[in-house]
N, C-alpha and C. Protein backbone atom coordinates (compact mmCIF):
# COMPACT_ATOMS: atom_id res chain seq x y z
N MET A 1 277.69 117.16 86.06
CA MET A 1 279.13 116.67 86.73
C MET A 1 279.58 116.07 85.70
N LEU A 2 280.46 116.34 85.46
CA LEU A 2 281.45 115.02 84.94
C LEU A 2 281.32 113.90 85.23
N GLU A 3 281.85 112.96 84.41
CA GLU A 3 281.49 110.90 84.82
C GLU A 3 282.83 110.95 85.71
N ARG A 4 284.17 111.36 85.56
CA ARG A 4 284.98 111.50 86.72
C ARG A 4 284.63 112.12 87.87
N GLU A 5 284.45 113.36 88.26
CA GLU A 5 283.77 113.57 88.85
C GLU A 5 282.96 113.15 89.49
N TYR A 6 281.79 112.67 88.83
CA TYR A 6 280.83 111.61 89.71
C TYR A 6 281.46 110.50 90.74
N ILE A 7 282.56 109.91 89.52
CA ILE A 7 283.15 108.88 90.41
C ILE A 7 283.69 109.12 91.48
N VAL A 8 284.19 110.02 91.76
CA VAL A 8 285.32 110.32 92.60
C VAL A 8 284.34 110.69 94.17
N GLU A 9 283.20 111.16 93.62
CA GLU A 9 282.54 111.33 94.90
C GLU A 9 281.47 110.40 95.41
N ARG A 10 281.31 109.55 94.60
CA ARG A 10 280.90 108.24 95.01
C ARG A 10 281.85 107.57 95.63
N ILE A 11 283.18 107.49 95.15
CA ILE A 11 284.18 106.70 96.02
C ILE A 11 284.46 107.28 97.26
N LYS A 12 284.33 108.91 97.10
CA LYS A 12 284.19 109.46 98.58
C LYS A 12 283.43 109.22 99.74
N SER A 13 281.95 108.70 99.57
CA SER A 13 281.33 108.38 100.25
C SER A 13 281.08 107.10 100.43
N LEU A 14 282.09 106.04 99.95
CA LEU A 14 282.28 104.70 100.13
C LEU A 14 282.56 104.54 101.68
N PRO A 15 282.37 103.69 102.47
CA PRO A 15 283.30 103.38 103.79
C PRO A 15 284.51 102.56 103.33
N GLU A 16 285.26 102.98 104.15
CA GLU A 16 286.63 102.68 104.34
C GLU A 16 287.22 100.90 103.92
N GLU A 17 286.09 100.07 104.33
CA GLU A 17 286.41 98.53 104.02
C GLU A 17 286.18 98.54 102.81
N SER A 18 284.88 99.37 101.82
CA SER A 18 285.15 98.65 100.40
C SER A 18 286.02 99.36 99.79
N LEU A 19 287.13 100.30 99.82
CA LEU A 19 288.34 100.99 99.03
C LEU A 19 288.94 99.76 98.65
N LYS A 20 289.20 98.75 99.08
CA LYS A 20 290.33 97.15 98.63
C LYS A 20 289.23 97.00 97.62
N GLU A 21 288.44 96.91 97.40
CA GLU A 21 287.38 96.22 96.18
C GLU A 21 287.64 97.52 95.26
N VAL A 22 287.82 98.73 95.63
CA VAL A 22 287.31 99.44 94.65
C VAL A 22 288.94 99.54 94.01
N THR A 23 289.77 99.37 94.50
CA THR A 23 291.24 99.26 94.01
C THR A 23 291.73 97.82 93.41
N ASP A 24 291.27 96.69 93.94
CA ASP A 24 291.28 95.92 93.03
C ASP A 24 290.53 95.89 91.50
N PHE A 25 289.35 96.86 91.14
CA PHE A 25 288.61 96.56 90.07
C PHE A 25 289.50 97.48 89.49
N VAL A 26 290.22 98.78 89.58
CA VAL A 26 290.62 99.61 89.13
C VAL A 26 291.75 99.19 88.19
N GLU A 27 292.62 97.97 89.03
CA GLU A 27 293.83 97.55 88.13
C GLU A 27 293.47 96.23 87.90
N PHE A 28 292.27 95.77 87.62
CA PHE A 28 291.67 94.70 87.07
C PHE A 28 291.46 95.70 85.90
N LEU A 29 291.01 96.72 85.48
CA LEU A 29 290.97 98.00 84.41
C LEU A 29 291.85 98.08 83.74
N GLU A 30 293.17 98.25 84.54
CA GLU A 30 294.18 99.07 84.01
C GLU A 30 295.02 97.37 83.28
N ALA A 31 294.81 96.29 84.13
CA ALA A 31 295.61 95.58 83.62
C ALA A 31 294.79 94.72 82.14
N LYS A 32 293.65 95.02 82.19
CA LYS A 32 292.82 94.67 80.81
C LYS A 32 293.12 95.72 79.73
N ARG A 33 293.42 96.89 80.05
CA ARG A 33 293.94 97.84 79.06
C ARG A 33 295.07 97.89 78.20
N GLU A 34 296.35 97.15 79.29
CA GLU A 34 297.09 96.84 78.99
C GLU A 34 297.52 95.70 78.04
N ARG A 35 296.44 94.81 78.39
CA ARG A 35 296.47 93.74 77.47
C ARG A 35 296.18 94.04 76.30
N LEU A 36 294.76 94.41 76.00
CA LEU A 36 294.85 94.99 75.02
C LEU A 36 295.80 96.14 73.93
N VAL A 37 296.21 96.65 74.75
CA VAL A 37 297.31 97.63 73.66
C VAL A 37 297.86 96.79 72.95
N GLU A 38 298.66 95.82 73.86
CA GLU A 38 299.80 94.72 74.02
C GLU A 38 299.52 93.90 72.56
N GLU A 39 298.15 93.96 72.44
CA GLU A 39 297.35 92.40 71.39
C GLU A 39 297.41 93.62 70.11
N ARG A 40 296.93 94.67 70.60
CA ARG A 40 297.29 95.40 69.17
C ARG A 40 298.66 95.73 68.53
N GLU A 41 299.49 96.18 69.55
CA GLU A 41 300.66 96.35 69.18
C GLU A 41 301.49 95.11 67.86
N LYS A 42 301.40 94.04 68.72
CA LYS A 42 301.41 92.48 68.36
C LYS A 42 301.00 92.42 67.10
N GLU A 43 299.81 92.41 66.68
CA GLU A 43 299.19 92.54 65.30
C GLU A 43 299.92 93.10 64.10
N GLY A 44 300.24 94.72 64.89
CA GLY A 44 300.75 95.09 63.94
C GLY A 44 302.58 95.26 63.25
N ARG A 45 302.83 94.25 64.30
CA ARG A 45 304.39 93.52 64.19
C ARG A 45 304.66 92.90 63.39
N GLU A 46 303.36 91.90 62.85
CA GLU A 46 303.43 90.96 62.33
C GLU A 46 304.74 90.87 60.80
N ASP A 47 305.63 89.97 60.70
CA ASP A 47 306.28 90.02 59.73
C ASP A 47 305.85 89.96 58.65
N PRO A 48 306.24 91.09 57.46
CA PRO A 48 305.60 91.02 56.04
C PRO A 48 305.59 89.98 55.13
N LEU A 49 307.12 89.38 55.79
CA LEU A 49 307.85 88.28 54.81
C LEU A 49 306.69 87.04 55.34
N SER A 50 306.22 86.54 56.33
CA SER A 50 305.59 85.68 56.80
C SER A 50 304.47 84.86 55.81
N LYS A 51 304.03 86.42 55.21
CA LYS A 51 302.68 86.11 54.19
C LYS A 51 303.23 85.22 53.05
N VAL A 52 304.66 85.31 52.49
CA VAL A 52 305.29 84.77 51.25
C VAL A 52 305.80 83.61 51.43
N ILE A 53 305.80 83.36 52.54
CA ILE A 53 307.02 82.10 52.67
C ILE A 53 306.04 80.87 51.69
N GLY A 54 307.01 80.38 50.96
CA GLY A 54 306.30 78.83 50.57
C GLY A 54 305.53 79.24 49.22
N ILE A 55 305.71 80.14 48.72
CA ILE A 55 304.84 80.32 47.66
C ILE A 55 305.74 80.47 46.30
N CYS A 56 307.32 80.44 46.70
CA CYS A 56 308.23 80.36 45.58
C CYS A 56 308.41 78.93 45.23
N GLU A 57 308.75 78.94 43.87
CA GLU A 57 309.20 77.57 43.97
C GLU A 57 310.67 77.85 43.02
N GLY A 58 311.73 76.62 42.97
CA GLY A 58 312.82 76.72 42.35
C GLY A 58 313.41 76.15 43.02
N PRO A 59 315.16 75.43 42.84
CA PRO A 59 316.18 74.49 42.93
C PRO A 59 315.57 74.25 44.32
N SER A 60 315.92 72.85 45.32
CA SER A 60 315.94 72.74 46.49
C SER A 60 317.19 73.32 47.31
N ASP A 61 318.04 73.81 46.76
CA ASP A 61 318.93 74.33 47.36
C ASP A 61 318.93 76.16 47.34
N LEU A 62 317.76 76.91 46.97
CA LEU A 62 317.83 78.09 46.75
C LEU A 62 317.71 79.00 48.13
N ALA A 63 317.36 78.48 49.23
CA ALA A 63 318.05 79.23 50.53
C ALA A 63 318.88 79.16 50.65
N GLU A 64 319.50 78.07 50.70
CA GLU A 64 321.29 77.93 51.32
C GLU A 64 321.86 78.77 49.79
N ARG A 65 321.74 79.16 48.36
CA ARG A 65 322.31 79.52 47.57
C ARG A 65 322.05 80.20 46.79
N HIS A 66 321.27 81.12 47.66
CA HIS A 66 320.45 82.40 47.00
C HIS A 66 321.32 83.72 46.37
N ASN A 67 322.20 83.53 46.74
CA ASN A 67 323.41 84.69 45.92
C ASN A 67 323.77 83.85 44.25
N LYS A 68 323.80 83.01 44.64
CA LYS A 68 324.42 82.22 43.37
C LYS A 68 322.89 82.54 42.07
N TYR A 69 322.06 81.91 42.77
CA TYR A 69 321.17 82.32 41.89
C TYR A 69 320.17 83.73 41.39
N VAL A 70 320.51 84.77 42.21
CA VAL A 70 320.26 85.76 42.37
C VAL A 70 320.96 86.83 41.68
N TYR A 71 322.25 86.71 42.20
CA TYR A 71 323.61 87.49 41.55
C TYR A 71 324.71 86.83 40.89
N GLY A 72 324.84 85.17 40.57
CA GLY A 72 325.65 84.63 40.10
C GLY A 72 326.72 84.39 40.69
N ILE A 73 326.47 84.82 41.75
CA ILE A 73 327.99 84.48 43.08
C ILE A 73 328.05 83.18 43.47
N LYS A 74 329.27 82.39 43.34
CA LYS A 74 329.56 80.98 43.59
C LYS A 74 329.50 81.32 45.66
């Protein structure tokens, strides 16, 4: 018998009073899985530019006047 089928059969044999506990546990597992998925997605969304912040040296107004330095635009 497959695991899922085995579990379903075992749940069917439980007394009615135990079903609330089973439901709580299933909801706990679902929430745990969702948190893991969210954490993995969050890790994948890291801003690639955050790795290079602060490695460049230049004039103190480089951020504000980058067009002047890069393109010669005033």
